[in-house]
N, C-alpha and C. Protein backbone atom coordinates (compact mmCIF):
# COMPACT_ATOMS: atom_id res chain seq x y z
N MET A 1 68.95 96.15 -20.42
CA MET A 1 68.02 97.25 -20.62
C MET A 1 67.69 97.87 -19.27
N ASN A 2 67.54 99.17 -19.25
CA ASN A 2 67.22 99.88 -18.02
C ASN A 2 65.75 99.72 -17.70
N LYS A 3 65.46 99.48 -16.43
CA LYS A 3 64.09 99.39 -15.95
C LYS A 3 63.78 100.70 -15.23
N PRO A 4 62.88 101.52 -15.78
CA PRO A 4 62.57 102.81 -15.13
C PRO A 4 61.93 102.59 -13.76
N VAL A 5 62.47 103.29 -12.77
CA VAL A 5 61.98 103.17 -11.40
C VAL A 5 62.06 104.53 -10.71
N THR A 6 61.47 104.58 -9.54
CA THR A 6 61.69 105.69 -8.62
C THR A 6 62.14 105.07 -7.30
N GLY A 7 62.85 105.82 -6.51
CA GLY A 7 63.30 105.33 -5.23
C GLY A 7 64.48 106.15 -4.75
N LEU A 8 65.04 105.74 -3.64
CA LEU A 8 66.13 106.49 -3.03
C LEU A 8 67.19 105.53 -2.52
N ILE A 9 68.45 105.85 -2.82
CA ILE A 9 69.58 105.07 -2.32
C ILE A 9 70.48 105.97 -1.49
N LYS A 10 71.27 105.33 -0.63
CA LYS A 10 72.30 106.03 0.14
C LYS A 10 73.62 105.35 -0.16
N VAL A 11 74.62 106.13 -0.53
CA VAL A 11 75.94 105.59 -0.85
C VAL A 11 76.65 105.25 0.46
N VAL A 12 77.16 104.00 0.57
CA VAL A 12 77.76 103.55 1.84
C VAL A 12 79.23 103.19 1.72
N THR A 13 79.75 103.09 0.50
CA THR A 13 81.19 102.84 0.30
C THR A 13 81.67 103.72 -0.85
N ILE A 14 82.98 103.86 -0.95
CA ILE A 14 83.52 104.66 -2.05
C ILE A 14 83.17 103.98 -3.37
N PRO A 15 82.46 104.67 -4.24
CA PRO A 15 82.07 104.07 -5.51
C PRO A 15 83.28 103.75 -6.39
N ASP A 16 83.15 102.68 -7.14
CA ASP A 16 84.13 102.33 -8.16
C ASP A 16 83.98 103.38 -9.25
N SER A 17 84.97 104.23 -9.39
CA SER A 17 84.82 105.40 -10.25
C SER A 17 86.13 105.72 -10.94
N GLU A 18 86.02 106.44 -12.05
CA GLU A 18 87.21 106.94 -12.72
C GLU A 18 87.69 108.26 -12.12
N ALA A 19 86.91 108.82 -11.23
CA ALA A 19 87.34 110.03 -10.51
C ALA A 19 88.37 109.61 -9.45
N PRO A 20 89.22 110.52 -9.04
CA PRO A 20 90.17 110.20 -7.98
C PRO A 20 89.43 109.80 -6.69
N THR A 21 90.04 108.92 -5.92
CA THR A 21 89.44 108.47 -4.67
C THR A 21 89.11 109.65 -3.77
N GLU A 22 89.96 110.66 -3.76
CA GLU A 22 89.73 111.85 -2.93
C GLU A 22 88.41 112.53 -3.29
N ILE A 23 87.99 112.42 -4.54
CA ILE A 23 86.71 112.98 -4.99
C ILE A 23 85.59 111.98 -4.73
N SER A 24 85.80 110.73 -5.13
CA SER A 24 84.75 109.69 -5.02
C SER A 24 84.31 109.44 -3.60
N LYS A 25 85.21 109.59 -2.63
CA LYS A 25 84.85 109.29 -1.24
C LYS A 25 83.75 110.21 -0.73
N HIS A 26 83.57 111.36 -1.35
CA HIS A 26 82.56 112.31 -0.89
C HIS A 26 81.14 111.89 -1.25
N TRP A 27 80.98 110.85 -2.07
CA TRP A 27 79.64 110.33 -2.32
C TRP A 27 79.09 109.60 -1.10
N ILE A 28 79.98 109.10 -0.22
CA ILE A 28 79.53 108.34 0.94
C ILE A 28 78.60 109.20 1.79
N GLY A 29 77.45 108.64 2.11
CA GLY A 29 76.46 109.33 2.92
C GLY A 29 75.42 110.09 2.13
N GLU A 30 75.67 110.30 0.84
CA GLU A 30 74.71 111.05 0.02
C GLU A 30 73.49 110.18 -0.29
N GLU A 31 72.32 110.78 -0.21
CA GLU A 31 71.07 110.13 -0.55
C GLU A 31 70.64 110.62 -1.93
N LEU A 32 70.47 109.68 -2.85
CA LEU A 32 70.27 110.02 -4.25
C LEU A 32 69.02 109.35 -4.81
N PRO A 33 68.26 110.07 -5.62
CA PRO A 33 67.07 109.49 -6.24
C PRO A 33 67.44 108.64 -7.46
N VAL A 34 66.90 107.44 -7.49
CA VAL A 34 67.18 106.49 -8.56
C VAL A 34 66.15 106.68 -9.68
N ASN A 35 66.62 106.60 -10.94
CA ASN A 35 65.67 106.67 -12.06
C ASN A 35 65.63 105.39 -12.88
N ALA A 36 66.56 104.47 -12.64
CA ALA A 36 66.55 103.19 -13.36
C ALA A 36 67.46 102.20 -12.64
N ILE A 37 67.16 100.93 -12.85
CA ILE A 37 68.00 99.84 -12.37
C ILE A 37 68.31 98.98 -13.59
N HIS A 38 69.54 98.48 -13.68
CA HIS A 38 69.88 97.57 -14.76
C HIS A 38 70.91 96.57 -14.29
N ASN A 39 71.02 95.50 -15.05
CA ASN A 39 71.96 94.43 -14.73
C ASN A 39 72.79 94.15 -15.97
N ASN A 40 73.61 95.10 -16.34
CA ASN A 40 74.49 94.92 -17.48
C ASN A 40 75.73 95.78 -17.28
N SER A 41 76.67 95.67 -18.17
CA SER A 41 77.90 96.43 -18.01
C SER A 41 77.64 97.90 -18.29
N VAL A 42 78.48 98.74 -17.71
CA VAL A 42 78.40 100.18 -17.94
C VAL A 42 79.74 100.65 -18.46
N ARG A 43 79.75 101.86 -18.94
CA ARG A 43 80.99 102.46 -19.44
C ARG A 43 81.46 103.51 -18.46
N GLY A 44 82.77 103.66 -18.36
CA GLY A 44 83.34 104.70 -17.52
C GLY A 44 82.87 106.06 -17.99
N VAL A 45 82.53 106.92 -17.06
CA VAL A 45 81.99 108.23 -17.43
C VAL A 45 83.05 109.15 -18.05
N ILE A 46 84.31 108.85 -17.83
CA ILE A 46 85.38 109.66 -18.40
C ILE A 46 85.99 108.97 -19.62
N SER A 47 86.35 107.70 -19.50
CA SER A 47 87.03 107.00 -20.58
C SER A 47 86.09 106.39 -21.60
N ASN A 48 84.84 106.17 -21.22
CA ASN A 48 83.84 105.50 -22.05
C ASN A 48 84.18 104.03 -22.30
N LYS A 49 85.11 103.48 -21.54
CA LYS A 49 85.46 102.06 -21.66
C LYS A 49 84.51 101.24 -20.80
N LYS A 50 84.15 100.04 -21.29
CA LYS A 50 83.34 99.14 -20.47
C LYS A 50 84.11 98.86 -19.20
N SER A 51 83.41 99.04 -18.07
CA SER A 51 84.16 98.93 -16.83
C SER A 51 83.56 98.01 -15.79
N ARG A 52 82.25 97.97 -15.69
CA ARG A 52 81.65 97.21 -14.60
C ARG A 52 80.40 96.51 -15.09
N SER A 53 80.00 95.50 -14.34
CA SER A 53 78.73 94.86 -14.61
C SER A 53 78.12 94.46 -13.28
N GLY A 54 76.88 94.07 -13.32
CA GLY A 54 76.15 93.72 -12.12
C GLY A 54 74.95 94.63 -11.98
N ILE A 55 74.26 94.51 -10.87
CA ILE A 55 73.09 95.35 -10.65
C ILE A 55 73.55 96.76 -10.35
N MET A 56 73.03 97.70 -11.13
CA MET A 56 73.40 99.11 -11.02
C MET A 56 72.17 99.97 -10.81
N TYR A 57 72.35 101.01 -10.01
CA TYR A 57 71.30 102.01 -9.77
C TYR A 57 71.72 103.28 -10.49
N ASN A 58 70.91 103.74 -11.42
CA ASN A 58 71.20 104.96 -12.16
C ASN A 58 70.63 106.18 -11.45
N VAL A 59 71.44 107.25 -11.43
CA VAL A 59 71.04 108.53 -10.86
C VAL A 59 71.41 109.60 -11.88
N SER A 60 70.50 110.50 -12.15
CA SER A 60 70.77 111.61 -13.07
C SER A 60 72.04 112.33 -12.62
N GLN A 61 72.97 112.56 -13.55
CA GLN A 61 74.19 113.30 -13.21
C GLN A 61 73.85 114.69 -12.69
N THR A 62 72.90 115.34 -13.30
CA THR A 62 72.53 116.70 -12.89
C THR A 62 72.06 116.71 -11.44
N ILE A 63 71.15 115.81 -11.11
CA ILE A 63 70.61 115.76 -9.75
C ILE A 63 71.68 115.32 -8.77
N ALA A 64 72.46 114.31 -9.12
CA ALA A 64 73.51 113.82 -8.22
C ALA A 64 74.50 114.93 -7.89
N LEU A 65 74.90 115.71 -8.88
CA LEU A 65 75.87 116.77 -8.62
C LEU A 65 75.26 117.93 -7.84
N GLU A 66 73.98 118.20 -8.03
CA GLU A 66 73.32 119.21 -7.20
C GLU A 66 73.35 118.79 -5.74
N ILE A 67 73.08 117.52 -5.48
CA ILE A 67 73.09 117.00 -4.11
C ILE A 67 74.51 117.01 -3.55
N LEU A 68 75.48 116.53 -4.32
CA LEU A 68 76.87 116.51 -3.86
C LEU A 68 77.37 117.92 -3.54
N SER A 69 76.95 118.89 -4.34
CA SER A 69 77.45 120.26 -4.15
C SER A 69 76.97 120.89 -2.84
N ARG A 70 75.87 120.40 -2.29
CA ARG A 70 75.37 120.93 -1.01
C ARG A 70 76.32 120.62 0.14
N ASN A 71 76.85 119.41 0.16
CA ASN A 71 77.71 118.98 1.27
C ASN A 71 79.19 119.00 0.95
N HIS A 72 79.51 118.86 -0.32
CA HIS A 72 80.92 118.78 -0.74
C HIS A 72 81.13 119.58 -2.03
N PRO A 73 81.06 120.90 -1.93
CA PRO A 73 81.17 121.72 -3.14
C PRO A 73 82.49 121.52 -3.89
N ASP A 74 83.56 121.24 -3.18
CA ASP A 74 84.85 121.04 -3.87
C ASP A 74 84.82 119.77 -4.72
N ALA A 75 84.20 118.71 -4.21
CA ALA A 75 84.08 117.47 -4.97
C ALA A 75 83.19 117.69 -6.20
N ALA A 76 82.08 118.39 -6.02
CA ALA A 76 81.20 118.68 -7.15
C ALA A 76 81.94 119.54 -8.18
N GLN A 77 82.73 120.48 -7.71
CA GLN A 77 83.49 121.34 -8.62
C GLN A 77 84.42 120.53 -9.51
N TRP A 78 85.03 119.47 -8.96
CA TRP A 78 85.89 118.61 -9.76
C TRP A 78 85.10 118.06 -10.95
N TRP A 79 83.90 117.57 -10.68
CA TRP A 79 83.06 117.03 -11.76
C TRP A 79 82.71 118.11 -12.78
N TYR A 80 82.33 119.30 -12.30
CA TYR A 80 81.99 120.39 -13.21
C TYR A 80 83.17 120.73 -14.11
N GLU A 81 84.36 120.76 -13.54
CA GLU A 81 85.56 121.09 -14.31
C GLU A 81 85.92 120.01 -15.34
N HIS A 82 85.37 118.81 -15.15
CA HIS A 82 85.65 117.71 -16.08
C HIS A 82 84.47 117.44 -17.03
N GLY A 83 83.60 118.43 -17.19
CA GLY A 83 82.56 118.34 -18.21
C GLY A 83 81.25 117.72 -17.78
N PHE A 84 81.00 117.67 -16.51
CA PHE A 84 79.76 117.10 -16.00
C PHE A 84 78.93 118.19 -15.34
N PRO A 85 77.62 118.03 -15.33
CA PRO A 85 76.86 116.88 -15.83
C PRO A 85 76.72 116.92 -17.34
N GLN A 86 76.57 115.74 -17.91
CA GLN A 86 76.32 115.62 -19.34
C GLN A 86 74.81 115.44 -19.52
N ALA A 87 74.23 116.20 -20.42
CA ALA A 87 72.78 116.23 -20.61
C ALA A 87 72.21 114.83 -20.81
N GLY A 88 71.22 114.50 -20.00
CA GLY A 88 70.51 113.23 -20.14
C GLY A 88 71.28 112.01 -19.68
N LYS A 89 72.45 112.20 -19.08
CA LYS A 89 73.29 111.06 -18.67
C LYS A 89 73.14 110.78 -17.17
N ASN A 90 73.51 109.56 -16.80
CA ASN A 90 73.41 109.11 -15.42
C ASN A 90 74.77 108.70 -14.88
N PHE A 91 74.88 108.72 -13.55
CA PHE A 91 75.94 108.01 -12.85
C PHE A 91 75.33 106.67 -12.44
N ALA A 92 76.12 105.60 -12.51
CA ALA A 92 75.65 104.28 -12.11
C ALA A 92 76.40 103.85 -10.85
N PHE A 93 75.64 103.50 -9.83
CA PHE A 93 76.20 103.03 -8.57
C PHE A 93 75.91 101.54 -8.42
N ARG A 94 76.95 100.76 -8.11
CA ARG A 94 76.78 99.31 -7.94
C ARG A 94 75.94 99.01 -6.70
N GLN A 95 75.24 97.91 -6.78
CA GLN A 95 74.40 97.46 -5.66
C GLN A 95 75.22 97.36 -4.37
N GLU A 96 76.47 96.97 -4.48
CA GLU A 96 77.33 96.80 -3.31
C GLU A 96 77.76 98.13 -2.70
N GLU A 97 77.57 99.22 -3.40
CA GLU A 97 78.01 100.54 -2.95
C GLU A 97 76.93 101.32 -2.23
N VAL A 98 75.71 100.81 -2.26
CA VAL A 98 74.57 101.58 -1.75
C VAL A 98 73.65 100.70 -0.91
N VAL A 99 72.79 101.38 -0.16
CA VAL A 99 71.64 100.71 0.47
C VAL A 99 70.39 101.45 -0.01
N VAL A 100 69.34 100.69 -0.19
CA VAL A 100 68.07 101.29 -0.59
C VAL A 100 67.41 101.84 0.67
N ILE A 101 67.11 103.13 0.67
CA ILE A 101 66.49 103.75 1.84
C ILE A 101 65.08 104.26 1.55
N GLY A 102 64.72 104.30 0.30
CA GLY A 102 63.37 104.68 -0.11
C GLY A 102 62.87 103.62 -1.05
N LYS A 103 61.67 103.20 -0.90
CA LYS A 103 61.12 102.10 -1.67
C LYS A 103 61.36 102.29 -3.17
N ILE A 104 61.90 101.25 -3.81
CA ILE A 104 62.10 101.27 -5.25
C ILE A 104 60.81 100.75 -5.89
N GLU A 105 60.23 101.57 -6.73
CA GLU A 105 58.97 101.21 -7.38
C GLU A 105 59.11 101.36 -8.89
N ASP A 106 58.42 100.48 -9.61
CA ASP A 106 58.37 100.60 -11.06
C ASP A 106 57.65 101.88 -11.45
N VAL A 107 58.12 102.50 -12.50
CA VAL A 107 57.45 103.68 -13.04
C VAL A 107 56.44 103.19 -14.07
N GLN A 108 55.21 103.59 -13.89
CA GLN A 108 54.16 103.18 -14.81
C GLN A 108 54.13 104.12 -16.02
N PRO A 109 53.97 103.55 -17.21
CA PRO A 109 53.84 104.42 -18.39
C PRO A 109 52.65 105.35 -18.23
N VAL A 110 52.80 106.54 -18.75
CA VAL A 110 51.75 107.54 -18.68
C VAL A 110 51.29 107.82 -20.11
N THR A 111 50.00 107.83 -20.31
CA THR A 111 49.44 108.12 -21.63
C THR A 111 48.78 109.49 -21.58
N LYS A 112 49.10 110.33 -22.57
CA LYS A 112 48.51 111.67 -22.66
C LYS A 112 47.85 111.81 -24.02
N MET A 113 46.77 112.53 -24.06
CA MET A 113 46.08 112.80 -25.32
C MET A 113 46.24 114.28 -25.67
N TYR A 114 46.56 114.56 -26.92
CA TYR A 114 46.68 115.93 -27.42
C TYR A 114 45.91 116.04 -28.73
N LEU A 115 44.72 116.56 -28.68
CA LEU A 115 43.94 116.83 -29.88
C LEU A 115 44.11 115.75 -30.94
N GLY A 116 43.81 114.53 -30.56
CA GLY A 116 43.88 113.43 -31.51
C GLY A 116 45.22 112.75 -31.60
N LEU A 117 46.22 113.25 -30.92
CA LEU A 117 47.54 112.63 -30.92
C LEU A 117 47.74 111.88 -29.62
N LEU A 118 48.40 110.76 -29.67
CA LEU A 118 48.67 109.95 -28.49
C LEU A 118 50.16 110.01 -28.19
N GLU A 119 50.49 110.30 -26.94
CA GLU A 119 51.89 110.32 -26.53
C GLU A 119 52.04 109.40 -25.33
N VAL A 120 52.99 108.49 -25.39
CA VAL A 120 53.25 107.59 -24.29
C VAL A 120 54.63 107.93 -23.74
N GLY A 121 54.69 108.15 -22.43
CA GLY A 121 55.94 108.48 -21.78
C GLY A 121 56.15 107.58 -20.57
N VAL A 122 57.18 107.87 -19.82
CA VAL A 122 57.47 107.09 -18.62
C VAL A 122 57.56 108.05 -17.45
N GLY A 123 56.83 107.75 -16.40
CA GLY A 123 56.98 108.47 -15.15
C GLY A 123 56.09 109.68 -15.00
N ALA A 124 55.95 110.06 -13.75
CA ALA A 124 55.06 111.17 -13.42
C ALA A 124 55.54 112.48 -14.02
N HIS A 125 56.85 112.63 -14.23
CA HIS A 125 57.36 113.88 -14.78
C HIS A 125 56.87 114.11 -16.20
N ASP A 126 56.42 113.05 -16.88
CA ASP A 126 55.91 113.20 -18.23
C ASP A 126 54.44 113.57 -18.25
N ALA A 127 53.79 113.54 -17.08
CA ALA A 127 52.35 113.76 -17.03
C ALA A 127 51.99 115.24 -17.00
N ASN A 128 52.96 116.11 -16.96
CA ASN A 128 52.68 117.55 -16.89
C ASN A 128 52.28 118.11 -18.24
């Protein structure tokens, strides 16, 4: 199960990816905001086959590609041409591929009241 968190990672090695190495290598050096950590297997973003397990840091595909496009627009373009970002989906980076550069903190549930209705969400983005 994913544990909702906030924090920042920096990619330090070529991620284990279904993208060509020529594309994947451009993640090195990118600083990405984490939205969850989990310790279970993941599926390949292209093949959907179970591919990896271990501690993983999830990053929104949309945000990750926005960041990648700033420094490596050609690499980001490859992802765009292959159907990414996919709405609500994440890229998962293995613990061995990154270093934590911004404190990883648990996201506290947020409770909001709406005229007698109760809504429980996760994270500050739900508090608006």
